[in-house]
């Protein structure tokens, strides 16, 4: 059913009036909300004049930085923040330390590592898993204070 031009104009004016009404009442609501908020707010100047409230704080985490434990592997020095991990790494045989360093710190793949050492990829994967188990055991020993012989 085709609409007349007058009817279309009427719809357009009615819609424009509706939009203006909605916008006007939204502005009034925003103004009222802002007024209510201003009545409840307390200025920072008032707070600092009445009593001294520290406006910021520093965690102890940032005040005392970690101790650094340098560990040299493959001619490169790695700074660790965990003393037990550093001690456990230093207690490993040199070859195992190098494999762990290349895999975790050097981001080498198992394939690249086995090409360096002339072993197959599965052997390199086994060496990495075995070394991680040894590290785990050594850290447990260090954290519990037991002195067990380090076995390969």
N, C-alpha and C. Protein backbone atom coordinates (compact mmCIF):
# COMPACT_ATOMS: atom_id res chain seq x y z
N UNK A 1 0.84 -1.17 0.00
CA UNK A 1 0.00 0.00 0.00
C UNK A 1 0.89 1.24 0.00
N UNK A 2 0.83 2.05 -1.01
CA UNK A 2 1.69 3.23 -1.11
C UNK A 2 1.20 4.34 -0.16
N UNK A 3 2.21 5.00 0.48
CA UNK A 3 1.90 6.09 1.40
C UNK A 3 1.96 7.41 0.65
N UNK A 4 1.18 8.34 1.11
CA UNK A 4 1.21 9.67 0.50
C UNK A 4 2.41 10.44 1.03
N UNK A 5 2.77 11.48 0.33
CA UNK A 5 3.92 12.30 0.73
C UNK A 5 3.63 12.99 2.06
N UNK A 6 2.41 13.40 2.30
CA UNK A 6 2.05 14.06 3.56
C UNK A 6 2.19 13.09 4.73
N UNK A 7 1.78 11.84 4.52
CA UNK A 7 1.88 10.84 5.59
C UNK A 7 3.34 10.55 5.93
N UNK A 8 4.19 10.44 4.92
CA UNK A 8 5.63 10.22 5.14
C UNK A 8 6.23 11.39 5.91
N UNK A 9 5.83 12.60 5.56
CA UNK A 9 6.34 13.78 6.26
C UNK A 9 5.88 13.77 7.71
N UNK A 10 4.64 13.35 7.96
CA UNK A 10 4.11 13.26 9.32
C UNK A 10 4.93 12.25 10.15
N UNK A 11 5.23 11.09 9.55
CA UNK A 11 6.03 10.07 10.25
C UNK A 11 7.42 10.61 10.57
N UNK A 12 8.03 11.31 9.63
CA UNK A 12 9.36 11.87 9.85
C UNK A 12 9.34 12.89 10.99
N UNK A 13 8.33 13.78 11.04
CA UNK A 13 8.23 14.77 12.11
C UNK A 13 7.96 14.10 13.45
N UNK A 14 7.13 13.09 13.46
CA UNK A 14 6.83 12.37 14.70
C UNK A 14 8.09 11.67 15.24
N UNK A 15 8.85 11.04 14.33
CA UNK A 15 10.07 10.37 14.76
C UNK A 15 11.09 11.38 15.27
N UNK A 16 11.25 12.51 14.59
CA UNK A 16 12.18 13.55 15.05
C UNK A 16 11.78 14.07 16.42
N UNK A 17 10.48 14.27 16.63
CA UNK A 17 9.99 14.72 17.94
C UNK A 17 10.28 13.70 19.02
N UNK A 18 10.07 12.42 18.70
CA UNK A 18 10.35 11.35 19.66
C UNK A 18 11.84 11.34 20.03
N UNK A 19 12.70 11.46 19.02
CA UNK A 19 14.15 11.45 19.28
C UNK A 19 14.55 12.63 20.15
N UNK A 20 14.00 13.80 19.88
CA UNK A 20 14.33 14.99 20.68
C UNK A 20 13.89 14.82 22.12
N UNK A 21 12.72 14.21 22.33
CA UNK A 21 12.22 13.97 23.69
C UNK A 21 13.12 12.99 24.44
N UNK A 22 13.51 11.91 23.77
CA UNK A 22 14.38 10.92 24.41
C UNK A 22 15.72 11.54 24.77
N UNK A 23 16.30 12.33 23.87
CA UNK A 23 17.59 12.96 24.13
C UNK A 23 17.47 13.96 25.27
N UNK A 24 16.38 14.74 25.31
CA UNK A 24 16.20 15.74 26.36
C UNK A 24 16.11 15.05 27.73
N UNK A 25 15.32 13.96 27.84
CA UNK A 25 15.19 13.27 29.12
C UNK A 25 16.48 12.53 29.51
N UNK A 26 17.22 12.06 28.54
CA UNK A 26 18.52 11.44 28.85
C UNK A 26 19.47 12.49 29.41
N UNK A 27 19.45 13.69 28.85
CA UNK A 27 20.31 14.76 29.36
C UNK A 27 19.89 15.15 30.77
N UNK A 28 18.58 15.22 31.02
CA UNK A 28 18.10 15.56 32.37
C UNK A 28 18.54 14.48 33.36
N UNK A 29 18.41 13.20 33.00
CA UNK A 29 18.85 12.11 33.89
C UNK A 29 20.34 12.17 34.16
N UNK A 30 21.13 12.46 33.13
CA UNK A 30 22.58 12.57 33.32
C UNK A 30 22.91 13.72 34.25
N UNK A 31 22.22 14.85 34.09
CA UNK A 31 22.47 16.00 34.95
C UNK A 31 22.11 15.67 36.40
N UNK A 32 20.97 14.97 36.62
CA UNK A 32 20.56 14.58 37.98
C UNK A 32 21.57 13.60 38.60
N UNK A 33 22.04 12.62 37.81
CA UNK A 33 23.03 11.66 38.32
C UNK A 33 24.31 12.38 38.72
N UNK A 34 24.76 13.31 37.90
CA UNK A 34 25.97 14.06 38.21
C UNK A 34 25.78 14.89 39.47
N UNK A 35 24.61 15.48 39.63
CA UNK A 35 24.33 16.27 40.83
C UNK A 35 24.35 15.39 42.08
N UNK A 36 23.73 14.21 41.99
CA UNK A 36 23.74 13.28 43.14
C UNK A 36 25.17 12.84 43.48
N UNK A 37 25.96 12.55 42.46
CA UNK A 37 27.33 12.13 42.68
C UNK A 37 28.15 13.24 43.34
N UNK A 38 27.96 14.47 42.90
CA UNK A 38 28.71 15.60 43.48
C UNK A 38 28.37 15.80 44.94
N UNK A 39 27.12 15.53 45.32
CA UNK A 39 26.74 15.68 46.72
C UNK A 39 27.42 14.64 47.60
N UNK A 40 27.69 13.45 47.06
CA UNK A 40 28.29 12.37 47.84
C UNK A 40 29.81 12.37 47.80
N UNK A 41 30.41 13.02 46.82
CA UNK A 41 31.86 12.99 46.67
C UNK A 41 32.55 13.86 47.71
N UNK A 42 33.76 13.44 48.07
CA UNK A 42 34.61 14.21 48.97
C UNK A 42 35.87 14.54 48.19
N UNK A 43 36.29 15.77 48.24
CA UNK A 43 37.46 16.17 47.46
C UNK A 43 38.74 15.64 48.10
N UNK A 44 39.75 15.44 47.29
CA UNK A 44 41.04 14.98 47.80
C UNK A 44 41.69 16.03 48.68
N UNK A 45 41.48 17.29 48.37
CA UNK A 45 42.05 18.36 49.20
C UNK A 45 41.49 18.28 50.61
N UNK A 46 40.19 18.01 50.76
CA UNK A 46 39.58 17.89 52.07
C UNK A 46 40.19 16.71 52.83
N UNK A 47 40.39 15.59 52.17
CA UNK A 47 40.95 14.42 52.83
C UNK A 47 42.36 14.69 53.32
N UNK A 48 43.18 15.33 52.51
CA UNK A 48 44.57 15.56 52.91
C UNK A 48 44.68 16.66 53.95
N UNK A 49 43.71 17.58 54.03
CA UNK A 49 43.76 18.63 55.04
C UNK A 49 43.31 18.10 56.40
N UNK A 50 42.28 17.26 56.43
CA UNK A 50 41.76 16.73 57.69
C UNK A 50 42.77 15.83 58.38
N UNK A 51 43.13 14.78 57.74
CA UNK A 51 44.09 13.81 58.26
C UNK A 51 45.00 13.43 57.13
N UNK A 52 46.19 12.98 57.48
CA UNK A 52 47.09 12.55 56.43
C UNK A 52 46.77 11.13 56.04
N UNK A 53 46.24 10.97 54.86
CA UNK A 53 46.01 9.65 54.29
C UNK A 53 46.99 9.47 53.15
N UNK A 54 47.80 8.43 53.20
CA UNK A 54 48.70 8.23 52.07
C UNK A 54 47.90 7.91 50.81
N UNK A 55 48.19 8.61 49.75
CA UNK A 55 47.45 8.42 48.51
C UNK A 55 48.03 7.31 47.66
N UNK A 56 49.13 6.73 48.09
CA UNK A 56 49.72 5.61 47.36
C UNK A 56 50.50 4.76 48.35
N UNK A 57 50.87 3.58 47.90
CA UNK A 57 51.66 2.69 48.73
C UNK A 57 52.60 1.89 47.84
N UNK A 58 53.64 1.38 48.43
CA UNK A 58 54.58 0.55 47.70
C UNK A 58 54.62 -0.81 48.36
N UNK A 59 54.43 -1.84 47.58
CA UNK A 59 54.48 -3.19 48.11
C UNK A 59 55.92 -3.56 48.47
N UNK A 60 56.04 -4.44 49.45
CA UNK A 60 57.37 -4.92 49.81
C UNK A 60 58.01 -5.67 48.67
N UNK A 61 57.19 -6.20 47.81
CA UNK A 61 57.66 -6.95 46.64
C UNK A 61 58.60 -6.08 45.81
N UNK A 62 58.27 -4.78 45.69
CA UNK A 62 59.07 -3.89 44.86
C UNK A 62 60.20 -3.22 45.65
N UNK A 63 60.06 -3.17 46.97
CA UNK A 63 61.09 -2.53 47.78
C UNK A 63 62.36 -3.36 47.83
N UNK A 64 62.21 -4.66 48.06
CA UNK A 64 63.37 -5.54 48.15
C UNK A 64 63.41 -6.40 46.90
N UNK A 65 64.24 -6.05 45.93
CA UNK A 65 64.28 -6.86 44.71
C UNK A 65 64.87 -8.24 45.01
N UNK A 66 64.64 -9.12 44.09
CA UNK A 66 65.14 -10.49 44.23
C UNK A 66 66.66 -10.49 44.28
N UNK A 67 67.15 -11.50 44.97
CA UNK A 67 68.59 -11.72 44.88
C UNK A 67 68.87 -12.36 43.54
N UNK A 68 70.01 -12.05 42.99
CA UNK A 68 70.35 -12.59 41.68
C UNK A 68 71.43 -13.66 41.84
N UNK A 69 71.22 -14.73 41.12
CA UNK A 69 72.15 -15.85 41.13
C UNK A 69 72.64 -16.07 39.70
N UNK A 70 73.85 -15.63 39.38
CA UNK A 70 74.34 -15.84 38.02
C UNK A 70 74.82 -17.28 37.83
N UNK A 71 74.42 -17.87 36.72
CA UNK A 71 74.82 -19.23 36.37
C UNK A 71 75.38 -19.16 34.95
N UNK A 72 76.60 -19.67 34.77
CA UNK A 72 77.22 -19.65 33.45
C UNK A 72 77.09 -21.02 32.81
N UNK A 73 76.43 -21.03 31.64
CA UNK A 73 76.23 -22.27 30.88
C UNK A 73 76.51 -21.94 29.42
N UNK A 74 77.26 -22.80 28.76
CA UNK A 74 77.59 -22.63 27.33
C UNK A 74 78.25 -21.28 27.07
N UNK A 75 79.02 -20.80 28.02
CA UNK A 75 79.71 -19.53 27.84
C UNK A 75 78.82 -18.31 28.01
N UNK A 76 77.57 -18.50 28.38
CA UNK A 76 76.66 -17.38 28.60
C UNK A 76 76.20 -17.39 30.05
N UNK A 77 76.02 -16.20 30.59
CA UNK A 77 75.59 -16.08 31.98
C UNK A 77 74.10 -15.81 32.02
N UNK A 78 73.40 -16.64 32.80
CA UNK A 78 71.97 -16.50 32.99
C UNK A 78 71.76 -16.05 34.43
N UNK A 79 70.95 -15.01 34.62
CA UNK A 79 70.66 -14.52 35.96
C UNK A 79 69.35 -15.16 36.42
N UNK A 80 69.42 -15.94 37.49
CA UNK A 80 68.23 -16.59 38.06
C UNK A 80 67.88 -15.91 39.37
N UNK A 81 66.62 -15.90 39.71
CA UNK A 81 66.18 -15.29 40.98
C UNK A 81 65.85 -16.34 42.03
N UNK A 82 65.92 -17.59 41.68
CA UNK A 82 65.65 -18.68 42.61
C UNK A 82 66.98 -19.36 42.94
N UNK A 83 67.40 -19.23 44.19
CA UNK A 83 68.68 -19.79 44.61
C UNK A 83 68.73 -21.30 44.54
N UNK A 84 67.59 -21.95 44.88
CA UNK A 84 67.55 -23.41 44.84
C UNK A 84 67.69 -23.92 43.41
N UNK A 85 67.03 -23.24 42.47
CA UNK A 85 67.14 -23.63 41.07
C UNK A 85 68.57 -23.43 40.57
N UNK A 86 69.20 -22.33 40.97
CA UNK A 86 70.58 -22.09 40.55
C UNK A 86 71.51 -23.16 41.10
N UNK A 87 71.34 -23.51 42.38
CA UNK A 87 72.18 -24.55 42.98
C UNK A 87 71.93 -25.90 42.33
N UNK A 88 70.67 -26.20 42.03
CA UNK A 88 70.34 -27.48 41.39
C UNK A 88 70.93 -27.54 39.99
N UNK A 89 70.86 -26.44 39.24
CA UNK A 89 71.45 -26.41 37.90
C UNK A 89 72.96 -26.61 37.96
N UNK A 90 73.59 -25.97 38.92
CA UNK A 90 75.05 -26.11 39.03
C UNK A 90 75.47 -27.51 39.46
N UNK A 91 74.57 -28.26 40.11
CA UNK A 91 74.93 -29.60 40.54
C UNK A 91 74.78 -30.63 39.40
N UNK A 92 74.13 -30.22 38.31
CA UNK A 92 73.96 -31.14 37.17
C UNK A 92 75.27 -31.30 36.41
N UNK A 93 75.43 -32.43 35.71
CA UNK A 93 76.58 -32.57 34.82
C UNK A 93 76.52 -31.52 33.70
N UNK A 94 77.68 -31.15 33.18
CA UNK A 94 77.79 -30.08 32.19
C UNK A 94 76.91 -30.32 30.96
N UNK A 95 76.90 -31.56 30.47
CA UNK A 95 76.14 -31.87 29.27
C UNK A 95 74.64 -31.65 29.49
N UNK A 96 74.14 -32.09 30.64
CA UNK A 96 72.72 -31.90 30.95
C UNK A 96 72.39 -30.42 31.11
N UNK A 97 73.29 -29.67 31.74
CA UNK A 97 73.08 -28.22 31.86
C UNK A 97 72.99 -27.57 30.49
N UNK A 98 73.86 -27.98 29.58
CA UNK A 98 73.86 -27.40 28.24
C UNK A 98 72.56 -27.71 27.50
N UNK A 99 72.08 -28.94 27.61
CA UNK A 99 70.84 -29.32 26.92
C UNK A 99 69.67 -28.51 27.47
N UNK A 100 69.58 -28.38 28.79
CA UNK A 100 68.50 -27.59 29.41
C UNK A 100 68.61 -26.13 28.99
N UNK A 101 69.83 -25.61 28.99
CA UNK A 101 70.04 -24.21 28.59
C UNK A 101 69.60 -23.99 27.15
N UNK A 102 70.03 -24.87 26.26
CA UNK A 102 69.69 -24.71 24.85
C UNK A 102 68.18 -24.82 24.63
N UNK A 103 67.54 -25.73 25.34
CA UNK A 103 66.11 -25.96 25.12
C UNK A 103 65.25 -24.84 25.72
N UNK A 104 65.52 -24.46 26.97
CA UNK A 104 64.66 -23.51 27.64
C UNK A 104 65.10 -22.05 27.48
N UNK A 105 66.40 -21.80 27.53
CA UNK A 105 66.86 -20.41 27.44
C UNK A 105 67.23 -20.02 26.02
N UNK A 106 67.78 -20.96 25.25
CA UNK A 106 68.17 -20.68 23.88
C UNK A 106 67.06 -20.90 22.88
N UNK A 107 65.96 -21.50 23.32
CA UNK A 107 64.79 -21.76 22.48
C UNK A 107 65.14 -22.60 21.24
N UNK A 108 66.05 -23.54 21.43
CA UNK A 108 66.38 -24.47 20.36
C UNK A 108 65.35 -25.59 20.36
N UNK A 109 65.09 -26.16 19.20
CA UNK A 109 64.19 -27.31 19.13
C UNK A 109 64.99 -28.57 19.45
N UNK A 110 64.27 -29.66 19.71
CA UNK A 110 64.95 -30.93 19.98
C UNK A 110 65.76 -31.36 18.76
N UNK A 111 65.26 -31.08 17.59
CA UNK A 111 65.97 -31.44 16.37
C UNK A 111 67.31 -30.71 16.28
N UNK A 112 67.31 -29.41 16.57
CA UNK A 112 68.56 -28.63 16.51
C UNK A 112 69.56 -29.12 17.55
N UNK A 113 69.04 -29.50 18.72
CA UNK A 113 69.94 -29.99 19.78
C UNK A 113 70.54 -31.32 19.38
N UNK A 114 69.73 -32.25 18.83
CA UNK A 114 70.31 -33.55 18.48
C UNK A 114 71.28 -33.43 17.33
N UNK A 115 71.07 -32.44 16.46
CA UNK A 115 72.05 -32.24 15.39
C UNK A 115 73.39 -31.76 15.96
N UNK A 116 73.36 -30.95 17.03
CA UNK A 116 74.59 -30.47 17.67
C UNK A 116 75.36 -31.60 18.35
N UNK A 117 74.60 -32.49 19.02
CA UNK A 117 75.24 -33.54 19.80
C UNK A 117 75.35 -34.86 19.06
N UNK A 118 74.80 -34.97 17.86
CA UNK A 118 74.92 -36.18 17.08
C UNK A 118 74.12 -37.35 17.61
N UNK A 119 72.98 -37.05 18.22
CA UNK A 119 72.10 -38.10 18.73
C UNK A 119 70.75 -37.97 18.06
N UNK A 120 69.91 -38.97 18.22
CA UNK A 120 68.58 -38.89 17.60
C UNK A 120 67.66 -38.00 18.45
N UNK A 121 66.56 -37.57 17.83
CA UNK A 121 65.65 -36.65 18.50
C UNK A 121 65.02 -37.26 19.75
N UNK A 122 64.66 -38.53 19.68
CA UNK A 122 64.02 -39.16 20.84
C UNK A 122 64.99 -39.22 22.02
N UNK A 123 66.28 -39.45 21.74
CA UNK A 123 67.27 -39.46 22.82
C UNK A 123 67.38 -38.08 23.45
N UNK A 124 67.33 -37.05 22.62
CA UNK A 124 67.41 -35.68 23.14
C UNK A 124 66.18 -35.38 23.99
N UNK A 125 65.00 -35.79 23.54
CA UNK A 125 63.78 -35.59 24.33
C UNK A 125 63.87 -36.33 25.65
N UNK A 126 64.41 -37.56 25.61
CA UNK A 126 64.58 -38.33 26.83
C UNK A 126 65.55 -37.62 27.77
N UNK A 127 66.65 -37.11 27.23
CA UNK A 127 67.64 -36.39 28.05
C UNK A 127 67.00 -35.17 28.73
N UNK A 128 66.17 -34.45 28.01
CA UNK A 128 65.52 -33.26 28.58
C UNK A 128 64.59 -33.66 29.71
N UNK A 129 63.76 -34.69 29.48
CA UNK A 129 62.84 -35.14 30.52
C UNK A 129 63.60 -35.67 31.73
N UNK A 130 64.65 -36.43 31.48
CA UNK A 130 65.46 -37.00 32.56
C UNK A 130 66.12 -35.90 33.37
N UNK A 131 66.64 -34.88 32.68
CA UNK A 131 67.30 -33.78 33.38
C UNK A 131 66.29 -32.99 34.20
N UNK A 132 65.10 -32.82 33.69
CA UNK A 132 64.07 -32.11 34.46
C UNK A 132 63.69 -32.90 35.71
N UNK A 133 63.61 -34.23 35.60
CA UNK A 133 63.35 -35.05 36.79
C UNK A 133 64.48 -34.91 37.80
N UNK A 134 65.72 -34.91 37.31
CA UNK A 134 66.86 -34.73 38.21
C UNK A 134 66.83 -33.36 38.88
N UNK A 135 66.49 -32.34 38.12
CA UNK A 135 66.36 -31.00 38.70
C UNK A 135 65.29 -30.97 39.78
N UNK A 136 64.17 -31.59 39.49
CA UNK A 136 63.07 -31.63 40.45
C UNK A 136 63.52 -32.33 41.74
N UNK A 137 64.17 -33.47 41.62
CA UNK A 137 64.66 -34.19 42.80
C UNK A 137 65.68 -33.37 43.57
N UNK A 138 66.58 -32.71 42.84
CA UNK A 138 67.62 -31.92 43.49
C UNK A 138 67.02 -30.71 44.22
N UNK A 139 66.01 -30.09 43.64
CA UNK A 139 65.35 -28.96 44.31
C UNK A 139 64.62 -29.44 45.56
N UNK A 140 64.00 -30.62 45.50
CA UNK A 140 63.36 -31.18 46.69
C UNK A 140 64.38 -31.43 47.78
N UNK A 141 65.52 -31.97 47.39
CA UNK A 141 66.58 -32.24 48.36
C UNK A 141 67.06 -30.94 48.98
N UNK A 142 67.27 -29.93 48.17
CA UNK A 142 67.74 -28.65 48.68
C UNK A 142 66.70 -27.95 49.55
N UNK A 143 65.44 -28.06 49.20
CA UNK A 143 64.40 -27.38 49.97
C UNK A 143 64.11 -28.09 51.29
N UNK A 144 64.30 -29.41 51.35
CA UNK A 144 64.05 -30.15 52.59
C UNK A 144 65.31 -30.33 53.42
N UNK A 145 66.44 -29.96 52.90
CA UNK A 145 67.69 -30.01 53.66
C UNK A 145 68.29 -31.38 53.75
N UNK A 146 67.81 -32.34 53.02
CA UNK A 146 68.38 -33.69 53.04
C UNK A 146 69.58 -33.71 52.09
N UNK A 147 70.55 -34.46 52.45
CA UNK A 147 71.69 -34.59 51.54
C UNK A 147 71.76 -36.01 51.04
N UNK A 148 71.24 -36.22 49.87
CA UNK A 148 71.29 -37.53 49.23
C UNK A 148 72.29 -37.46 48.09
N UNK A 149 72.94 -38.56 47.80
CA UNK A 149 73.88 -38.52 46.67
C UNK A 149 73.13 -38.29 45.36
N UNK A 150 73.76 -37.53 44.51
CA UNK A 150 73.16 -37.20 43.22
C UNK A 150 73.50 -38.31 42.25
N UNK A 151 72.47 -39.02 41.75
CA UNK A 151 72.71 -40.15 40.86
C UNK A 151 72.18 -39.86 39.47
N UNK A 152 72.85 -40.36 38.50
CA UNK A 152 72.40 -40.19 37.12
C UNK A 152 71.76 -41.46 36.63
